[in-house]
Amino acid sequence: MATVAGVQDLSGNPQATPVTWNLSTPTCPCSFWTDMTLPAVASQADSQAVEVGMHFRTHIDGYITGVRFYQGAANTGTTPLAISGWVATTARWPV
C-alpha cells in the first residue's frame, strides 16, 4: 500500500487530502487477458488470410517468450490444431 500526502502543485497549493492505493506485482508469465476472456466473434469465415496484432509498450526491460491466441471452433484454416479456445505457443528464443 502507498500513500501520498503533503504534495504541492507548481504554484505551491497543497494537495487537499492524502491519496492511498494498493500496488501489486503480477505473477508471470503475464497475459493481457484471462482464460475467461472471450472474443465477441469466436469464429469468422474468411476467404483470405487475416493479419491481426496488438501494440504495447513496457516501462521496464523484459522478454516475450510466447504468444496466446484464441481459436474458435470453426477456425481450421492452416492451423494444425483441432481445438477451440486459448492456444499458447512458446518461442524458441525470447525476443
N, C-alpha and C. Protein backbone atom coordinates (compact mmCIF):
# COMPACT_ATOMS: atom_id res chain seq x y z
N MET A 1 0.85 -1.16 0.00
CA MET A 1 0.00 0.00 0.00
C MET A 1 0.91 1.23 0.00
N ALA A 2 0.48 2.26 -0.69
CA ALA A 2 1.25 3.50 -0.75
C ALA A 2 0.32 4.67 -0.50
N THR A 3 0.83 5.67 0.20
CA THR A 3 0.06 6.88 0.48
C THR A 3 0.91 8.08 0.11
N VAL A 4 0.29 9.03 -0.57
CA VAL A 4 0.96 10.28 -0.93
C VAL A 4 0.25 11.39 -0.17
N ALA A 5 1.04 12.18 0.59
CA ALA A 5 0.47 13.28 1.36
C ALA A 5 1.45 14.45 1.34
N GLY A 6 0.96 15.65 1.58
CA GLY A 6 1.82 16.82 1.66
C GLY A 6 2.39 17.28 0.32
N VAL A 7 1.77 16.87 -0.76
CA VAL A 7 2.25 17.23 -2.09
C VAL A 7 1.72 18.61 -2.47
N GLN A 8 2.53 19.35 -3.20
CA GLN A 8 2.12 20.67 -3.67
C GLN A 8 2.22 20.71 -5.19
N ASP A 9 1.33 21.50 -5.82
CA ASP A 9 1.44 21.69 -7.27
C ASP A 9 2.50 22.73 -7.54
N LEU A 10 2.72 23.09 -8.79
CA LEU A 10 3.79 24.03 -9.15
C LEU A 10 3.58 25.42 -8.57
N SER A 11 2.34 25.75 -8.22
CA SER A 11 2.05 27.07 -7.63
C SER A 11 2.17 27.05 -6.11
N GLY A 12 2.46 25.90 -5.51
CA GLY A 12 2.59 25.79 -4.06
C GLY A 12 1.31 25.44 -3.34
N ASN A 13 0.24 25.14 -4.08
CA ASN A 13 -1.02 24.76 -3.46
C ASN A 13 -0.91 23.32 -2.95
N PRO A 14 -1.28 23.09 -1.66
CA PRO A 14 -1.17 21.74 -1.12
C PRO A 14 -2.27 20.82 -1.63
N GLN A 15 -1.95 19.52 -1.66
CA GLN A 15 -2.94 18.50 -2.01
C GLN A 15 -3.98 18.49 -0.90
N ALA A 16 -5.28 18.46 -1.26
CA ALA A 16 -6.36 18.58 -0.28
C ALA A 16 -6.35 17.44 0.73
N THR A 17 -6.26 16.20 0.27
CA THR A 17 -6.27 15.04 1.16
C THR A 17 -5.24 14.02 0.66
N PRO A 18 -4.73 13.20 1.57
CA PRO A 18 -3.81 12.14 1.13
C PRO A 18 -4.51 11.16 0.20
N VAL A 19 -3.76 10.59 -0.71
CA VAL A 19 -4.28 9.59 -1.64
C VAL A 19 -3.57 8.27 -1.35
N THR A 20 -4.34 7.19 -1.19
CA THR A 20 -3.78 5.88 -0.90
C THR A 20 -4.23 4.90 -1.97
N TRP A 21 -3.34 4.02 -2.39
CA TRP A 21 -3.68 2.98 -3.35
C TRP A 21 -2.85 1.74 -3.07
N ASN A 22 -3.33 0.61 -3.56
CA ASN A 22 -2.62 -0.66 -3.41
C ASN A 22 -1.77 -0.92 -4.64
N LEU A 23 -0.58 -1.38 -4.43
CA LEU A 23 0.32 -1.75 -5.51
C LEU A 23 0.47 -3.26 -5.52
N SER A 24 0.58 -3.82 -6.69
CA SER A 24 0.80 -5.26 -6.78
C SER A 24 1.72 -5.57 -7.95
N THR A 25 2.43 -6.64 -7.82
CA THR A 25 3.30 -7.12 -8.88
C THR A 25 2.64 -8.35 -9.48
N PRO A 26 2.43 -8.38 -10.80
CA PRO A 26 1.76 -9.53 -11.40
C PRO A 26 2.63 -10.78 -11.31
N THR A 27 1.97 -11.91 -11.23
CA THR A 27 2.66 -13.19 -11.29
C THR A 27 2.83 -13.55 -12.75
N CYS A 28 4.04 -13.82 -13.15
CA CYS A 28 4.30 -14.13 -14.55
C CYS A 28 4.58 -15.61 -14.72
N PRO A 29 4.29 -16.20 -15.86
CA PRO A 29 4.09 -15.47 -17.10
C PRO A 29 2.82 -14.62 -17.05
N CYS A 30 2.91 -13.45 -17.70
CA CYS A 30 1.84 -12.46 -17.68
C CYS A 30 1.02 -12.54 -18.96
N SER A 31 -0.22 -12.09 -18.89
CA SER A 31 -1.09 -12.09 -20.05
C SER A 31 -1.97 -10.85 -20.01
N PHE A 32 -2.35 -10.38 -21.17
CA PHE A 32 -3.27 -9.25 -21.24
C PHE A 32 -4.70 -9.69 -20.91
N TRP A 33 -5.01 -10.96 -21.15
CA TRP A 33 -6.36 -11.46 -20.95
C TRP A 33 -6.35 -12.69 -20.05
N THR A 34 -7.45 -12.88 -19.34
CA THR A 34 -7.60 -14.08 -18.52
C THR A 34 -8.14 -15.20 -19.39
N ASP A 35 -8.14 -16.41 -18.85
CA ASP A 35 -8.70 -17.55 -19.58
C ASP A 35 -10.20 -17.40 -19.81
N MET A 36 -10.86 -16.56 -19.02
CA MET A 36 -12.30 -16.35 -19.15
C MET A 36 -12.65 -15.29 -20.18
N THR A 37 -11.66 -14.55 -20.69
CA THR A 37 -11.91 -13.52 -21.70
C THR A 37 -12.20 -14.20 -23.03
N LEU A 38 -13.32 -13.86 -23.64
CA LEU A 38 -13.71 -14.46 -24.91
C LEU A 38 -13.94 -13.36 -25.95
N PRO A 39 -13.59 -13.63 -27.20
CA PRO A 39 -13.85 -12.63 -28.24
C PRO A 39 -15.35 -12.51 -28.52
N ALA A 40 -15.77 -11.35 -29.00
CA ALA A 40 -17.19 -11.14 -29.34
C ALA A 40 -17.62 -12.08 -30.45
N VAL A 41 -16.74 -12.33 -31.43
CA VAL A 41 -17.00 -13.27 -32.51
C VAL A 41 -15.89 -14.31 -32.44
N ALA A 42 -16.24 -15.54 -32.06
CA ALA A 42 -15.23 -16.58 -31.85
C ALA A 42 -14.66 -17.11 -33.16
N SER A 43 -15.48 -17.21 -34.20
CA SER A 43 -15.03 -17.73 -35.49
C SER A 43 -15.60 -16.86 -36.59
N GLN A 44 -14.79 -16.59 -37.60
CA GLN A 44 -15.22 -15.77 -38.73
C GLN A 44 -14.80 -16.46 -40.01
N ALA A 45 -15.74 -16.64 -40.94
CA ALA A 45 -15.42 -17.26 -42.22
C ALA A 45 -14.65 -16.26 -43.08
N ASP A 46 -13.38 -16.55 -43.33
CA ASP A 46 -12.53 -15.68 -44.14
C ASP A 46 -12.14 -16.40 -45.42
N SER A 47 -12.15 -15.67 -46.52
CA SER A 47 -11.71 -16.29 -47.78
C SER A 47 -10.22 -16.09 -47.98
N GLN A 48 -9.61 -15.20 -47.20
CA GLN A 48 -8.17 -14.93 -47.30
C GLN A 48 -7.59 -14.82 -45.89
N ALA A 49 -6.28 -14.90 -45.84
CA ALA A 49 -5.61 -14.75 -44.56
C ALA A 49 -5.84 -13.36 -43.99
N VAL A 50 -5.89 -13.27 -42.68
CA VAL A 50 -6.08 -12.00 -41.99
C VAL A 50 -4.95 -11.85 -40.98
N GLU A 51 -4.29 -10.71 -41.02
CA GLU A 51 -3.23 -10.45 -40.06
C GLU A 51 -3.78 -9.56 -38.96
N VAL A 52 -3.61 -9.98 -37.74
CA VAL A 52 -4.06 -9.20 -36.60
C VAL A 52 -2.87 -8.97 -35.67
N GLY A 53 -2.97 -8.00 -34.83
CA GLY A 53 -1.87 -7.74 -33.92
C GLY A 53 -2.26 -6.75 -32.85
N MET A 54 -1.29 -6.45 -32.03
CA MET A 54 -1.53 -5.54 -30.92
C MET A 54 -0.21 -4.84 -30.58
N HIS A 55 -0.28 -3.55 -30.37
CA HIS A 55 0.89 -2.79 -29.94
C HIS A 55 0.85 -2.67 -28.42
N PHE A 56 2.00 -2.75 -27.80
CA PHE A 56 2.10 -2.47 -26.38
C PHE A 56 3.47 -1.88 -26.10
N ARG A 57 3.56 -1.19 -25.01
CA ARG A 57 4.82 -0.55 -24.62
C ARG A 57 5.09 -0.88 -23.16
N THR A 58 6.33 -1.22 -22.87
CA THR A 58 6.70 -1.51 -21.49
C THR A 58 7.53 -0.37 -20.93
N HIS A 59 7.59 -0.32 -19.63
CA HIS A 59 8.40 0.70 -18.96
C HIS A 59 9.67 0.11 -18.37
N ILE A 60 9.79 -1.21 -18.45
CA ILE A 60 11.00 -1.89 -17.98
C ILE A 60 11.39 -2.94 -19.01
N ASP A 61 12.65 -3.32 -19.02
CA ASP A 61 13.12 -4.35 -19.95
C ASP A 61 12.51 -5.69 -19.60
N GLY A 62 12.32 -6.51 -20.60
CA GLY A 62 11.79 -7.85 -20.39
C GLY A 62 11.88 -8.66 -21.67
N TYR A 63 11.24 -9.80 -21.69
CA TYR A 63 11.28 -10.70 -22.83
C TYR A 63 9.89 -11.21 -23.15
N ILE A 64 9.66 -11.48 -24.41
CA ILE A 64 8.45 -12.18 -24.84
C ILE A 64 8.88 -13.61 -25.10
N THR A 65 8.28 -14.54 -24.39
CA THR A 65 8.66 -15.94 -24.53
C THR A 65 7.59 -16.79 -25.19
N GLY A 66 6.44 -16.19 -25.49
CA GLY A 66 5.38 -16.95 -26.13
C GLY A 66 4.21 -16.05 -26.48
N VAL A 67 3.26 -16.62 -27.17
CA VAL A 67 2.08 -15.89 -27.62
C VAL A 67 0.86 -16.77 -27.38
N ARG A 68 -0.23 -16.14 -26.94
CA ARG A 68 -1.51 -16.84 -26.81
C ARG A 68 -2.49 -16.24 -27.80
N PHE A 69 -3.30 -17.07 -28.41
CA PHE A 69 -4.33 -16.57 -29.31
C PHE A 69 -5.58 -17.40 -29.12
N TYR A 70 -6.72 -16.83 -29.50
CA TYR A 70 -7.99 -17.54 -29.36
C TYR A 70 -8.35 -18.17 -30.69
N GLN A 71 -8.61 -19.45 -30.68
CA GLN A 71 -9.01 -20.16 -31.89
C GLN A 71 -10.44 -20.64 -31.72
N GLY A 72 -11.35 -20.11 -32.55
CA GLY A 72 -12.74 -20.53 -32.50
C GLY A 72 -12.91 -21.92 -33.07
N ALA A 73 -14.00 -22.57 -32.73
CA ALA A 73 -14.25 -23.95 -33.16
C ALA A 73 -14.30 -24.09 -34.67
N ALA A 74 -14.78 -23.05 -35.38
CA ALA A 74 -14.89 -23.13 -36.85
C ALA A 74 -13.62 -22.65 -37.56
N ASN A 75 -12.62 -22.17 -36.83
CA ASN A 75 -11.38 -21.72 -37.44
C ASN A 75 -10.43 -22.90 -37.60
N THR A 76 -10.38 -23.45 -38.77
CA THR A 76 -9.48 -24.58 -39.03
C THR A 76 -8.33 -24.14 -39.91
N GLY A 77 -8.58 -23.53 -41.03
CA GLY A 77 -7.55 -22.98 -41.91
C GLY A 77 -6.29 -23.81 -41.97
N THR A 78 -5.13 -23.14 -41.87
CA THR A 78 -3.85 -23.84 -41.94
C THR A 78 -3.31 -24.18 -40.56
N THR A 79 -4.05 -23.82 -39.52
CA THR A 79 -3.60 -24.17 -38.16
C THR A 79 -3.81 -25.66 -37.95
N PRO A 80 -2.76 -26.38 -37.58
CA PRO A 80 -2.89 -27.84 -37.43
C PRO A 80 -3.54 -28.26 -36.13
N LEU A 81 -4.14 -27.33 -35.41
CA LEU A 81 -4.73 -27.66 -34.12
C LEU A 81 -6.23 -27.86 -34.26
N ALA A 82 -6.73 -28.92 -33.69
CA ALA A 82 -8.15 -29.22 -33.76
C ALA A 82 -8.80 -28.94 -32.41
N ILE A 83 -8.48 -27.79 -31.83
CA ILE A 83 -9.05 -27.43 -30.54
C ILE A 83 -9.68 -26.05 -30.64
N SER A 84 -10.49 -25.74 -29.64
CA SER A 84 -11.13 -24.44 -29.58
C SER A 84 -10.78 -23.80 -28.25
N GLY A 85 -10.53 -22.50 -28.26
CA GLY A 85 -10.21 -21.78 -27.04
C GLY A 85 -8.84 -21.14 -27.13
N TRP A 86 -8.28 -20.79 -25.98
CA TRP A 86 -6.98 -20.15 -25.94
C TRP A 86 -5.89 -21.16 -26.25
N VAL A 87 -5.02 -20.79 -27.17
CA VAL A 87 -3.90 -21.65 -27.59
C VAL A 87 -2.62 -20.88 -27.29
N ALA A 88 -1.66 -21.55 -26.68
CA ALA A 88 -0.38 -20.92 -26.35
C ALA A 88 0.74 -21.53 -27.19
N THR A 89 1.61 -20.68 -27.67
CA THR A 89 2.81 -21.13 -28.37
C THR A 89 4.01 -20.53 -27.65
N THR A 90 5.11 -21.24 -27.66
CA THR A 90 6.31 -20.80 -26.99
C THR A 90 7.39 -20.50 -28.02
N ALA A 91 8.08 -19.38 -27.85
CA ALA A 91 9.16 -19.02 -28.76
C ALA A 91 10.39 -19.87 -28.44
N ARG A 92 11.16 -20.22 -29.47
CA ARG A 92 12.39 -20.97 -29.23
C ARG A 92 13.39 -20.14 -28.45
N TRP A 93 13.44 -18.85 -28.76
CA TRP A 93 14.33 -17.92 -28.08
C TRP A 93 13.50 -16.71 -27.66
N PRO A 94 13.70 -16.21 -26.44
CA PRO A 94 12.98 -15.00 -26.03
C PRO A 94 13.34 -13.83 -26.94
N VAL A 95 12.35 -13.00 -27.23
CA VAL A 95 12.56 -11.83 -28.07
C VAL A 95 12.24 -10.57 -27.30
